[in-house]
N, C-alpha and C. Protein backbone atom coordinates (compact mmCIF):
# COMPACT_ATOMS: atom_id res chain seq x y z
N UNK A 1 0.83 -1.18 0.00
CA UNK A 1 0.00 0.00 0.00
C UNK A 1 0.88 1.25 0.00
N UNK A 2 0.59 2.19 -0.89
CA UNK A 2 1.33 3.44 -0.96
C UNK A 2 0.96 4.32 0.23
N UNK A 3 1.96 4.87 0.90
CA UNK A 3 1.63 5.74 2.03
C UNK A 3 0.85 6.97 1.56
N UNK A 4 -0.03 7.43 2.39
CA UNK A 4 -0.83 8.60 2.09
C UNK A 4 -0.05 9.83 2.52
N UNK A 5 0.13 10.78 1.59
CA UNK A 5 0.91 11.98 1.89
C UNK A 5 0.05 13.22 1.68
N UNK A 6 0.16 14.15 2.62
CA UNK A 6 -0.60 15.40 2.57
C UNK A 6 0.36 16.56 2.86
N UNK A 7 0.31 17.58 2.02
CA UNK A 7 1.09 18.80 2.25
C UNK A 7 0.22 19.76 3.04
N UNK A 8 0.73 20.23 4.18
CA UNK A 8 -0.01 21.16 5.03
C UNK A 8 0.78 22.45 5.20
N UNK A 9 0.07 23.57 5.26
CA UNK A 9 0.73 24.88 5.33
C UNK A 9 0.08 25.81 6.35
N UNK A 10 -0.88 25.31 7.11
CA UNK A 10 -1.61 26.15 8.05
C UNK A 10 -1.76 25.51 9.41
N UNK A 11 -3.00 25.39 9.86
CA UNK A 11 -3.27 24.92 11.23
C UNK A 11 -2.95 23.44 11.44
N UNK A 12 -2.66 22.70 10.36
CA UNK A 12 -2.30 21.28 10.50
C UNK A 12 -0.79 21.06 10.58
N UNK A 13 0.00 22.13 10.48
CA UNK A 13 1.45 21.98 10.62
C UNK A 13 1.78 21.60 12.06
N UNK A 14 2.87 20.85 12.26
CA UNK A 14 3.30 20.53 13.62
C UNK A 14 3.46 21.83 14.44
N UNK A 15 2.90 21.82 15.64
CA UNK A 15 2.97 22.98 16.52
C UNK A 15 1.80 23.95 16.36
N UNK A 16 0.97 23.76 15.35
CA UNK A 16 -0.18 24.63 15.13
C UNK A 16 -1.43 24.00 15.76
N UNK A 17 -2.51 24.77 15.78
CA UNK A 17 -3.73 24.44 16.53
C UNK A 17 -4.35 23.08 16.23
N UNK A 18 -4.37 22.65 14.98
CA UNK A 18 -5.08 21.41 14.64
C UNK A 18 -4.18 20.18 14.47
N UNK A 19 -2.86 20.35 14.60
CA UNK A 19 -1.98 19.19 14.42
C UNK A 19 -2.26 18.11 15.45
N UNK A 20 -2.34 18.51 16.71
CA UNK A 20 -2.52 17.52 17.79
C UNK A 20 -3.81 16.73 17.60
N UNK A 21 -4.90 17.42 17.31
CA UNK A 21 -6.21 16.77 17.19
C UNK A 21 -6.30 15.83 15.97
N UNK A 22 -5.76 16.26 14.85
CA UNK A 22 -5.95 15.51 13.61
C UNK A 22 -4.77 14.62 13.21
N UNK A 23 -3.57 14.98 13.63
CA UNK A 23 -2.39 14.29 13.09
C UNK A 23 -1.49 13.60 14.11
N UNK A 24 -1.45 14.11 15.33
CA UNK A 24 -0.52 13.55 16.31
C UNK A 24 -0.78 12.06 16.52
N UNK A 25 0.29 11.26 16.43
CA UNK A 25 0.17 9.82 16.60
C UNK A 25 -0.32 9.10 15.35
N UNK A 26 -0.64 9.85 14.31
CA UNK A 26 -1.15 9.27 13.07
C UNK A 26 -0.22 9.53 11.90
N UNK A 27 0.92 10.18 12.18
CA UNK A 27 1.87 10.57 11.15
C UNK A 27 3.13 9.73 11.31
N UNK A 28 3.57 9.09 10.22
CA UNK A 28 4.79 8.28 10.30
C UNK A 28 6.02 9.07 9.90
N UNK A 29 5.83 10.22 9.22
CA UNK A 29 6.97 11.04 8.81
C UNK A 29 6.52 12.48 8.60
N UNK A 30 7.38 13.42 8.99
CA UNK A 30 7.14 14.85 8.78
C UNK A 30 8.38 15.41 8.10
N UNK A 31 8.19 15.98 6.90
CA UNK A 31 9.29 16.55 6.15
C UNK A 31 9.02 18.02 5.87
N UNK A 32 9.86 18.93 6.35
CA UNK A 32 9.69 20.33 5.95
C UNK A 32 9.75 20.41 4.43
N UNK A 33 8.84 21.17 3.83
CA UNK A 33 8.72 21.16 2.38
C UNK A 33 8.06 22.45 1.89
N UNK A 34 7.99 22.55 0.55
CA UNK A 34 7.25 23.66 -0.05
C UNK A 34 6.60 23.19 -1.34
N UNK A 35 5.62 23.95 -1.77
CA UNK A 35 5.01 23.78 -3.08
C UNK A 35 4.90 25.17 -3.68
N UNK A 36 4.42 25.25 -4.89
CA UNK A 36 4.23 26.57 -5.50
C UNK A 36 2.78 26.98 -5.43
N UNK A 37 2.57 28.25 -5.11
CA UNK A 37 1.23 28.81 -5.02
C UNK A 37 1.32 30.24 -4.54
N UNK A 38 0.21 30.77 -4.10
CA UNK A 38 0.16 32.06 -3.42
C UNK A 38 -0.55 31.82 -2.10
N UNK A 39 0.07 32.26 -1.02
CA UNK A 39 -0.46 32.04 0.31
C UNK A 39 -1.05 33.33 0.87
N UNK A 40 -2.21 33.21 1.49
CA UNK A 40 -2.92 34.36 2.04
C UNK A 40 -3.29 34.09 3.49
N UNK A 41 -3.11 35.11 4.34
CA UNK A 41 -3.62 35.07 5.71
C UNK A 41 -5.06 35.55 5.63
N UNK A 42 -5.97 34.77 6.17
CA UNK A 42 -7.40 35.12 6.13
C UNK A 42 -7.82 35.71 7.46
N UNK A 43 -8.75 36.64 7.43
CA UNK A 43 -9.21 37.31 8.66
C UNK A 43 -9.83 36.33 9.65
N UNK A 44 -10.23 35.14 9.18
CA UNK A 44 -10.85 34.15 10.06
C UNK A 44 -9.82 33.38 10.90
N UNK A 45 -8.51 33.64 10.67
CA UNK A 45 -7.49 33.07 11.53
C UNK A 45 -6.74 31.87 10.99
N UNK A 46 -6.90 31.56 9.73
CA UNK A 46 -6.14 30.49 9.11
C UNK A 46 -5.82 30.91 7.68
N UNK A 47 -4.91 30.19 7.01
CA UNK A 47 -4.51 30.61 5.67
C UNK A 47 -5.28 29.90 4.55
N UNK A 48 -5.11 30.44 3.35
CA UNK A 48 -5.62 29.82 2.13
C UNK A 48 -4.55 29.92 1.07
N UNK A 49 -4.46 28.91 0.22
CA UNK A 49 -3.48 28.89 -0.85
C UNK A 49 -4.19 28.77 -2.19
N UNK A 50 -3.74 29.57 -3.16
CA UNK A 50 -4.23 29.47 -4.53
C UNK A 50 -3.10 28.95 -5.41
N UNK A 51 -3.40 28.71 -6.66
CA UNK A 51 -2.33 28.42 -7.62
C UNK A 51 -1.47 29.66 -7.73
N UNK A 52 -0.18 29.49 -7.99
CA UNK A 52 0.70 30.64 -8.11
C UNK A 52 2.13 30.21 -8.32
N UNK A 53 3.03 31.18 -8.28
CA UNK A 53 4.43 30.93 -8.63
C UNK A 53 5.41 31.25 -7.51
N UNK A 54 4.93 31.40 -6.28
CA UNK A 54 5.83 31.63 -5.16
C UNK A 54 5.86 30.38 -4.28
N UNK A 55 6.93 30.24 -3.52
CA UNK A 55 7.04 29.08 -2.64
C UNK A 55 6.10 29.25 -1.45
N UNK A 56 5.32 28.20 -1.20
CA UNK A 56 4.47 28.14 -0.01
C UNK A 56 5.09 27.07 0.88
N UNK A 57 5.53 27.49 2.06
CA UNK A 57 6.25 26.59 2.96
C UNK A 57 5.30 25.89 3.91
N UNK A 58 5.63 24.64 4.20
CA UNK A 58 4.81 23.86 5.11
C UNK A 58 5.50 22.56 5.44
N UNK A 59 4.69 21.51 5.55
CA UNK A 59 5.23 20.19 5.88
C UNK A 59 4.53 19.12 5.05
N UNK A 60 5.30 18.15 4.64
CA UNK A 60 4.76 16.98 3.97
C UNK A 60 4.57 15.91 5.05
N UNK A 61 3.31 15.56 5.30
CA UNK A 61 3.00 14.55 6.31
C UNK A 61 2.74 13.22 5.62
N UNK A 62 3.37 12.18 6.11
CA UNK A 62 3.06 10.83 5.67
C UNK A 62 2.17 10.22 6.74
N UNK A 63 0.96 9.87 6.33
CA UNK A 63 -0.04 9.38 7.28
C UNK A 63 -0.04 7.86 7.33
N UNK A 64 -0.11 7.33 8.53
CA UNK A 64 -0.10 5.89 8.72
C UNK A 64 -1.45 5.27 8.38
N UNK A 65 -2.51 6.08 8.35
CA UNK A 65 -3.86 5.56 8.24
C UNK A 65 -4.67 6.47 7.33
N UNK A 66 -5.28 5.92 6.28
CA UNK A 66 -5.99 6.77 5.32
C UNK A 66 -7.32 7.32 5.84
N UNK A 67 -7.77 6.88 7.02
CA UNK A 67 -8.99 7.47 7.58
C UNK A 67 -8.74 8.91 8.04
N UNK A 68 -7.47 9.25 8.26
CA UNK A 68 -7.13 10.61 8.67
C UNK A 68 -7.53 11.60 7.58
N UNK A 69 -7.42 11.19 6.31
CA UNK A 69 -7.75 12.09 5.20
C UNK A 69 -9.20 12.52 5.26
N UNK A 70 -10.09 11.63 5.63
CA UNK A 70 -11.51 11.96 5.75
C UNK A 70 -11.73 13.01 6.84
N UNK A 71 -11.04 12.88 7.95
CA UNK A 71 -11.16 13.86 9.03
C UNK A 71 -10.61 15.22 8.59
N UNK A 72 -9.49 15.21 7.85
CA UNK A 72 -8.92 16.46 7.35
C UNK A 72 -9.87 17.09 6.32
N UNK A 73 -10.47 16.26 5.46
CA UNK A 73 -11.47 16.79 4.51
C UNK A 73 -12.59 17.52 5.26
N UNK A 74 -13.06 16.94 6.36
CA UNK A 74 -14.11 17.58 7.14
C UNK A 74 -13.63 18.93 7.70
N UNK A 75 -12.41 18.95 8.24
CA UNK A 75 -11.85 20.18 8.77
C UNK A 75 -11.78 21.26 7.68
N UNK A 76 -11.35 20.86 6.50
CA UNK A 76 -11.16 21.81 5.40
C UNK A 76 -12.46 22.10 4.64
N UNK A 77 -13.57 21.55 5.12
CA UNK A 77 -14.87 21.73 4.48
C UNK A 77 -14.82 21.34 3.00
N UNK A 78 -14.27 20.15 2.77
CA UNK A 78 -14.15 19.61 1.42
C UNK A 78 -14.93 18.30 1.34
N UNK A 79 -15.81 18.21 0.38
CA UNK A 79 -16.55 16.97 0.11
C UNK A 79 -16.45 16.70 -1.39
N UNK A 80 -15.80 15.59 -1.76
CA UNK A 80 -15.61 15.30 -3.19
C UNK A 80 -16.93 15.07 -3.94
N UNK A 81 -18.02 14.86 -3.21
CA UNK A 81 -19.30 14.57 -3.85
C UNK A 81 -20.19 15.80 -4.05
N UNK A 82 -19.69 16.97 -3.67
CA UNK A 82 -20.52 18.16 -3.91
C UNK A 82 -19.81 19.08 -4.90
N UNK A 83 -20.54 20.00 -5.49
CA UNK A 83 -19.93 20.92 -6.46
C UNK A 83 -18.78 21.71 -5.82
N UNK A 84 -17.71 21.94 -6.57
CA UNK A 84 -16.56 22.69 -6.02
C UNK A 84 -16.95 24.03 -5.40
N UNK A 85 -17.95 24.70 -5.94
CA UNK A 85 -18.35 26.01 -5.41
C UNK A 85 -18.90 25.92 -3.99
N UNK A 86 -19.30 24.73 -3.56
CA UNK A 86 -19.83 24.56 -2.21
C UNK A 86 -18.76 24.15 -1.20
N UNK A 87 -17.56 23.86 -1.67
CA UNK A 87 -16.44 23.51 -0.78
C UNK A 87 -15.66 24.75 -0.40
N UNK A 88 -15.15 24.78 0.83
CA UNK A 88 -14.27 25.87 1.24
C UNK A 88 -12.92 25.73 0.53
N UNK A 89 -12.38 24.51 0.53
CA UNK A 89 -11.12 24.19 -0.14
C UNK A 89 -11.38 23.09 -1.15
N UNK A 90 -10.45 22.96 -2.11
CA UNK A 90 -10.45 21.83 -3.04
C UNK A 90 -9.23 20.98 -2.71
N UNK A 91 -9.41 19.68 -2.57
CA UNK A 91 -8.26 18.79 -2.36
C UNK A 91 -7.75 18.36 -3.73
N UNK A 92 -6.47 18.61 -3.98
CA UNK A 92 -5.87 18.34 -5.29
C UNK A 92 -4.49 17.73 -5.12
N UNK A 93 -4.02 17.03 -6.16
CA UNK A 93 -2.64 16.55 -6.18
C UNK A 93 -1.75 17.74 -6.47
N UNK A 94 -0.73 17.94 -5.65
CA UNK A 94 0.22 19.02 -5.87
C UNK A 94 1.64 18.45 -5.80
N UNK A 95 2.56 19.08 -6.49
CA UNK A 95 3.96 18.68 -6.46
C UNK A 95 4.64 19.38 -5.29
N UNK A 96 5.42 18.60 -4.55
CA UNK A 96 6.05 19.08 -3.32
C UNK A 96 7.57 18.93 -3.45
N UNK A 97 8.30 19.87 -2.85
CA UNK A 97 9.76 19.90 -2.91
C UNK A 97 10.34 19.99 -1.51
N UNK A 98 11.55 19.43 -1.34
CA UNK A 98 12.26 19.58 -0.07
C UNK A 98 12.79 21.01 0.02
N UNK A 99 13.21 21.42 1.19
CA UNK A 99 13.75 22.77 1.35
C UNK A 99 15.08 22.94 0.63
N UNK A 100 15.66 21.83 0.15
CA UNK A 100 16.88 21.91 -0.68
C UNK A 100 16.53 21.72 -2.16
N UNK A 101 15.26 21.94 -2.50
CA UNK A 101 14.76 21.95 -3.88
C UNK A 101 14.71 20.59 -4.57
N UNK A 102 14.77 19.52 -3.81
CA UNK A 102 14.64 18.19 -4.41
C UNK A 102 13.15 17.86 -4.55
N UNK A 103 12.72 17.36 -5.71
CA UNK A 103 11.32 16.96 -5.85
C UNK A 103 11.00 15.79 -4.92
N UNK A 104 9.90 15.92 -4.20
CA UNK A 104 9.46 14.86 -3.28
C UNK A 104 8.25 14.12 -3.83
N UNK A 105 7.83 14.48 -5.04
CA UNK A 105 6.68 13.81 -5.65
C UNK A 105 5.39 14.57 -5.37
N UNK A 106 4.29 13.87 -5.54
CA UNK A 106 2.99 14.49 -5.36
C UNK A 106 2.38 14.10 -4.02
N UNK A 107 1.52 14.98 -3.54
CA UNK A 107 0.80 14.75 -2.29
C UNK A 107 -0.53 15.47 -2.41
N UNK A 108 -1.45 15.10 -1.55
CA UNK A 108 -2.69 15.86 -1.49
C UNK A 108 -2.40 17.22 -0.87
N UNK A 109 -3.08 18.23 -1.37
CA UNK A 109 -2.98 19.57 -0.82
C UNK A 109 -4.33 20.25 -0.97
N UNK A 110 -4.55 21.27 -0.19
CA UNK A 110 -5.84 21.97 -0.21
C UNK A 110 -5.64 23.39 -0.73
N UNK A 111 -6.33 23.68 -1.82
CA UNK A 111 -6.30 25.02 -2.41
C UNK A 111 -7.65 25.68 -2.24
N UNK A 112 -7.61 27.00 -2.21
CA UNK A 112 -8.82 27.79 -2.09
C UNK A 112 -8.98 28.65 -3.34
N UNK A 113 -10.20 28.84 -3.77
CA UNK A 113 -10.50 29.69 -4.91
C UNK A 113 -10.19 31.14 -4.54
N UNK A 114 -9.60 31.90 -5.47
CA UNK A 114 -9.21 33.28 -5.18
C UNK A 114 -10.41 34.14 -4.78
N UNK A 115 -11.55 33.88 -5.38
CA UNK A 115 -12.76 34.64 -5.04
C UNK A 115 -13.11 34.46 -3.56
N UNK A 116 -12.99 33.23 -3.08
CA UNK A 116 -13.28 32.96 -1.66
C UNK A 116 -12.23 33.63 -0.78
N UNK A 117 -10.98 33.62 -1.21
CA UNK A 117 -9.91 34.30 -0.45
C UNK A 117 -10.27 35.78 -0.30
N UNK A 118 -10.74 36.39 -1.38
CA UNK A 118 -11.13 37.80 -1.31
C UNK A 118 -12.30 37.99 -0.35
N UNK A 119 -13.28 37.09 -0.39
CA UNK A 119 -14.44 37.18 0.51
C UNK A 119 -14.02 37.10 1.97
N UNK A 120 -12.96 36.33 2.24
CA UNK A 120 -12.49 36.13 3.61
C UNK A 120 -11.40 37.14 4.01
N UNK A 121 -11.23 38.18 3.21
CA UNK A 121 -10.27 39.24 3.55
C UNK A 121 -8.83 38.81 3.49
N UNK A 122 -8.48 37.97 2.51
CA UNK A 122 -7.13 37.44 2.41
C UNK A 122 -6.07 38.50 2.16
N UNK A 123 -4.96 38.38 2.88
CA UNK A 123 -3.82 39.26 2.69
C UNK A 123 -2.65 38.40 2.21
N UNK A 124 -2.10 38.72 1.04
CA UNK A 124 -1.01 37.95 0.44
C UNK A 124 0.20 37.93 1.36
N UNK A 125 0.77 36.75 1.52
CA UNK A 125 1.98 36.57 2.34
C UNK A 125 3.16 36.27 1.41
N UNK A 126 3.92 37.29 1.00
CA UNK A 126 5.01 37.06 0.05
C UNK A 126 6.08 36.11 0.57
N UNK A 127 6.18 35.97 1.90
CA UNK A 127 7.17 35.04 2.48
C UNK A 127 6.79 33.58 2.21
N UNK A 128 5.51 33.34 1.90
CA UNK A 128 5.05 31.97 1.69
C UNK A 128 4.95 31.17 2.97
N UNK A 129 4.97 31.85 4.11
CA UNK A 129 4.92 31.13 5.39
C UNK A 129 3.84 31.72 6.28
N UNK A 130 3.03 30.85 6.87
CA UNK A 130 2.00 31.24 7.82
C UNK A 130 2.28 30.50 9.11
N UNK A 131 2.25 31.19 10.24
CA UNK A 131 2.44 30.52 11.53
C UNK A 131 3.88 30.14 11.78
N UNK A 132 4.03 29.07 12.51
CA UNK A 132 5.36 28.59 12.90
C UNK A 132 6.06 27.91 11.73
N UNK A 133 7.39 28.06 11.72
CA UNK A 133 8.20 27.32 10.74
C UNK A 133 8.25 25.86 11.17
N UNK A 134 8.27 24.98 10.20
CA UNK A 134 8.36 23.55 10.52
C UNK A 134 9.80 23.18 10.76
């Protein structure tokens, strides 16, 4: 079975608010990593990422159990069975890189539509980092 990998850049990063509840004890590996996109701090207290060309820093989590993905989908208000416009985030395959620029392959990641980012008062983070560094 291929390990389930998820790239996280917000409240699911180690040391952030939702890591303990959703990921602690369920992660077999944590790799500091980045992907390409545009990262925004939202007025609601968490970030959103769109497609883009700047590095978005976070962590690549290897999950020991694929049931964790369903719980993360719930947190991110993503349901694959409803229209994308009704989801807060879209779960998509994204390419992830190590901090030394080595390709780490693809992982699930959560992107937000730019229109929704605007609705939530998103402020672009040129550093590509939200919260604590991994």
